[in-house]
């Protein structure tokens, strides 16, 4: 029972990040899944994708209802993101974990630096 509360808390934090910033819940969720919930890295990445998708859909709905969504401006990013997601999913299985961890760490550092600049 205690594990379910940990999972719910991790999901809640990822959802809050997604709702506040319009995305980025996965960058919160993966470290929580590995460190706090004890999942292995590969499973944490896959679980994060499965959880973040519905959270993004919910966030889009809220932004749309409040008039803050320009779908036509977002369309090129959606197409590029879908293609990148497909390619990343194909590469994911064959990538060695140390490289995947490094790439994710660099992405987090890049995002953190960009947030402050």
C-alpha atoms as a PDB file:
ATOM      1  CA  UNK A   1       0.000   0.000   0.000  1.00  0.00           C
ATOM      2  CA  UNK A   2       2.854   2.358   0.832  1.00  0.00           C
ATOM      3  CA  UNK A   3       4.337   1.866  -2.655  1.00  0.00           C
ATOM      4  CA  UNK A   4       1.085   2.999  -4.265  1.00  0.00           C
ATOM      5  CA  UNK A   5       1.292   6.283  -2.349  1.00  0.00           C
ATOM      6  CA  UNK A   6       4.856   6.774  -3.557  1.00  0.00           C
ATOM      7  CA  UNK A   7       3.765   6.200  -7.130  1.00  0.00           C
ATOM      8  CA  UNK A   8       0.817   8.560  -6.730  1.00  0.00           C
ATOM      9  CA  UNK A   9       3.059  11.250  -5.227  1.00  0.00           C
ATOM     10  CA  UNK A  10       5.580  10.890  -8.061  1.00  0.00           C
ATOM     11  CA  UNK A  11       2.772  11.133 -10.615  1.00  0.00           C
ATOM     12  CA  UNK A  12       1.329  14.159  -8.821  1.00  0.00           C
ATOM     13  CA  UNK A  13       4.664  15.979  -8.915  1.00  0.00           C
ATOM     14  CA  UNK A  14       5.083  15.195 -12.607  1.00  0.00           C
ATOM     15  CA  UNK A  15       1.547  16.391 -13.286  1.00  0.00           C
ATOM     16  CA  UNK A  16       2.134  19.608 -11.351  1.00  0.00           C
ATOM     17  CA  UNK A  17       5.300  20.311 -13.338  1.00  0.00           C
ATOM     18  CA  UNK A  18       3.444  19.598 -16.562  1.00  0.00           C
ATOM     19  CA  UNK A  19       0.531  21.837 -15.608  1.00  0.00           C
ATOM     20  CA  UNK A  20       2.672  24.712 -14.343  1.00  0.00           C
ATOM     21  CA  UNK A  21       5.163  24.766 -17.190  1.00  0.00           C
ATOM     22  CA  UNK A  22       3.137  23.272 -20.041  1.00  0.00           C
ATOM     23  CA  UNK A  23       5.494  20.280 -20.202  1.00  0.00           C
ATOM     24  CA  UNK A  24       8.634  18.953 -18.631  1.00  0.00           C
ATOM     25  CA  UNK A  25       6.921  16.494 -16.337  1.00  0.00           C
ATOM     26  CA  UNK A  26       9.140  13.688 -17.631  1.00  0.00           C
ATOM     27  CA  UNK A  27      12.279  15.457 -16.449  1.00  0.00           C
ATOM     28  CA  UNK A  28      10.786  15.367 -12.953  1.00  0.00           C
ATOM     29  CA  UNK A  29       9.239  11.945 -13.282  1.00  0.00           C
ATOM     30  CA  UNK A  30      12.215   9.839 -14.437  1.00  0.00           C
ATOM     31  CA  UNK A  31      14.446  10.732 -11.450  1.00  0.00           C
ATOM     32  CA  UNK A  32      11.495  10.133  -9.099  1.00  0.00           C
ATOM     33  CA  UNK A  33      10.774   6.750 -10.655  1.00  0.00           C
ATOM     34  CA  UNK A  34      14.398   5.626 -10.373  1.00  0.00           C
ATOM     35  CA  UNK A  35      15.333   7.117  -7.006  1.00  0.00           C
ATOM     36  CA  UNK A  36      12.085   7.278  -5.051  1.00  0.00           C
ATOM     37  CA  UNK A  37      10.114   4.407  -6.582  1.00  0.00           C
ATOM     38  CA  UNK A  38      13.036   2.064  -7.319  1.00  0.00           C
ATOM     39  CA  UNK A  39      12.413   1.373 -11.024  1.00  0.00           C
ATOM     40  CA  UNK A  40      15.349   0.573 -13.268  1.00  0.00           C
ATOM     41  CA  UNK A  41      16.332   3.339 -15.696  1.00  0.00           C
ATOM     42  CA  UNK A  42      14.968   1.785 -18.883  1.00  0.00           C
ATOM     43  CA  UNK A  43      11.609   0.992 -17.298  1.00  0.00           C
ATOM     44  CA  UNK A  44      11.457   4.491 -15.777  1.00  0.00           C
ATOM     45  CA  UNK A  45      11.886   6.120 -19.204  1.00  0.00           C
ATOM     46  CA  UNK A  46       9.165   3.953 -20.737  1.00  0.00           C
ATOM     47  CA  UNK A  47       6.806   4.485 -17.803  1.00  0.00           C
ATOM     48  CA  UNK A  48       7.389   8.221 -17.960  1.00  0.00           C
ATOM     49  CA  UNK A  49       6.328   8.333 -21.601  1.00  0.00           C
ATOM     50  CA  UNK A  50       3.175   6.332 -20.841  1.00  0.00           C
ATOM     51  CA  UNK A  51       2.222   8.668 -17.985  1.00  0.00           C
ATOM     52  CA  UNK A  52       3.235  11.999 -19.504  1.00  0.00           C
ATOM     53  CA  UNK A  53       1.137  11.572 -22.665  1.00  0.00           C
ATOM     54  CA  UNK A  54      -2.239  11.725 -20.857  1.00  0.00           C
ATOM     55  CA  UNK A  55      -0.950  14.566 -18.655  1.00  0.00           C
ATOM     56  CA  UNK A  56       0.011  16.532 -21.762  1.00  0.00           C
ATOM     57  CA  UNK A  57      -3.428  15.901 -23.272  1.00  0.00           C
ATOM     58  CA  UNK A  58      -5.032  17.183 -20.064  1.00  0.00           C
ATOM     59  CA  UNK A  59      -2.799  20.272 -20.038  1.00  0.00           C
ATOM     60  CA  UNK A  60      -3.648  20.985 -23.693  1.00  0.00           C
ATOM     61  CA  UNK A  61      -7.338  20.808 -22.856  1.00  0.00           C
ATOM     62  CA  UNK A  62      -6.949  23.274 -20.000  1.00  0.00           C
ATOM     63  CA  UNK A  63      -4.844  25.697 -22.061  1.00  0.00           C
ATOM     64  CA  UNK A  64      -7.350  25.409 -24.937  1.00  0.00           C
ATOM     65  CA  UNK A  65     -10.337  26.144 -22.698  1.00  0.00           C
ATOM     66  CA  UNK A  66      -8.596  29.195 -21.297  1.00  0.00           C
ATOM     67  CA  UNK A  67      -7.756  30.521 -24.749  1.00  0.00           C
ATOM     68  CA  UNK A  68      -3.995  30.054 -24.443  1.00  0.00           C
ATOM     69  CA  UNK A  69      -3.478  27.573 -27.274  1.00  0.00           C
ATOM     70  CA  UNK A  70      -2.599  28.405 -30.875  1.00  0.00           C
ATOM     71  CA  UNK A  71      -2.895  25.002 -32.516  1.00  0.00           C
ATOM     72  CA  UNK A  72      -1.635  26.145 -35.927  1.00  0.00           C
ATOM     73  CA  UNK A  73       1.544  27.548 -34.363  1.00  0.00           C
ATOM     74  CA  UNK A  74       2.023  24.251 -32.504  1.00  0.00           C
ATOM     75  CA  UNK A  75       1.415  22.001 -35.517  1.00  0.00           C
ATOM     76  CA  UNK A  76       4.984  21.966 -36.922  1.00  0.00           C
ATOM     77  CA  UNK A  77       6.328  21.092 -33.463  1.00  0.00           C
ATOM     78  CA  UNK A  78       3.748  18.340 -33.130  1.00  0.00           C
ATOM     79  CA  UNK A  79       4.798  16.792 -36.440  1.00  0.00           C
ATOM     80  CA  UNK A  80       8.507  17.077 -35.577  1.00  0.00           C
ATOM     81  CA  UNK A  81       7.897  15.744 -32.082  1.00  0.00           C
ATOM     82  CA  UNK A  82       5.973  12.762 -33.407  1.00  0.00           C
ATOM     83  CA  UNK A  83       8.760  11.915 -35.850  1.00  0.00           C
ATOM     84  CA  UNK A  84      11.417  12.399 -33.166  1.00  0.00           C
ATOM     85  CA  UNK A  85       9.422  10.288 -30.713  1.00  0.00           C
ATOM     86  CA  UNK A  86       9.131   7.503 -33.251  1.00  0.00           C
ATOM     87  CA  UNK A  87      12.880   7.597 -34.008  1.00  0.00           C
ATOM     88  CA  UNK A  88      13.804   7.816 -30.318  1.00  0.00           C
ATOM     89  CA  UNK A  89      11.572   4.844 -29.513  1.00  0.00           C
ATOM     90  CA  UNK A  90      13.330   2.805 -32.195  1.00  0.00           C
ATOM     91  CA  UNK A  91      16.805   3.755 -30.889  1.00  0.00           C
ATOM     92  CA  UNK A  92      15.830   3.316 -27.235  1.00  0.00           C
ATOM     93  CA  UNK A  93      15.930  -0.477 -27.193  1.00  0.00           C
ATOM     94  CA  UNK A  94      19.429  -0.730 -28.670  1.00  0.00           C
ATOM     95  CA  UNK A  95      21.038   2.108 -26.715  1.00  0.00           C
ATOM     96  CA  UNK A  96      23.304   1.156 -23.827  1.00  0.00           C
ATOM     97  CA  UNK A  97      22.179   2.483 -20.437  1.00  0.00           C
ATOM     98  CA  UNK A  98      25.309   4.539 -19.660  1.00  0.00           C
ATOM     99  CA  UNK A  99      24.805   6.524 -22.888  1.00  0.00           C
ATOM    100  CA  UNK A 100      21.102   6.918 -22.224  1.00  0.00           C
ATOM    101  CA  UNK A 101      21.815   8.228 -18.709  1.00  0.00           C
ATOM    102  CA  UNK A 102      24.419  10.670 -20.026  1.00  0.00           C
ATOM    103  CA  UNK A 103      22.098  11.940 -22.742  1.00  0.00           C
ATOM    104  CA  UNK A 104      19.290  12.446 -20.228  1.00  0.00           C
ATOM    105  CA  UNK A 105      21.655  14.188 -17.800  1.00  0.00           C
ATOM    106  CA  UNK A 106      22.877  16.537 -20.531  1.00  0.00           C
ATOM    107  CA  UNK A 107      19.293  17.295 -21.483  1.00  0.00           C
ATOM    108  CA  UNK A 108      18.468  18.178 -17.859  1.00  0.00           C
ATOM    109  CA  UNK A 109      21.549  20.401 -17.568  1.00  0.00           C
ATOM    110  CA  UNK A 110      20.729  22.124 -20.858  1.00  0.00           C
ATOM    111  CA  UNK A 111      17.133  22.725 -19.754  1.00  0.00           C
ATOM    112  CA  UNK A 112      18.257  24.062 -16.390  1.00  0.00           C
ATOM    113  CA  UNK A 113      20.750  26.473 -17.906  1.00  0.00           C
ATOM    114  CA  UNK A 114      18.193  27.673 -20.476  1.00  0.00           C
ATOM    115  CA  UNK A 115      15.658  28.261 -17.689  1.00  0.00           C
ATOM    116  CA  UNK A 116      17.994  30.673 -15.930  1.00  0.00           C
ATOM    117  CA  UNK A 117      19.143  32.567 -19.043  1.00  0.00           C
END
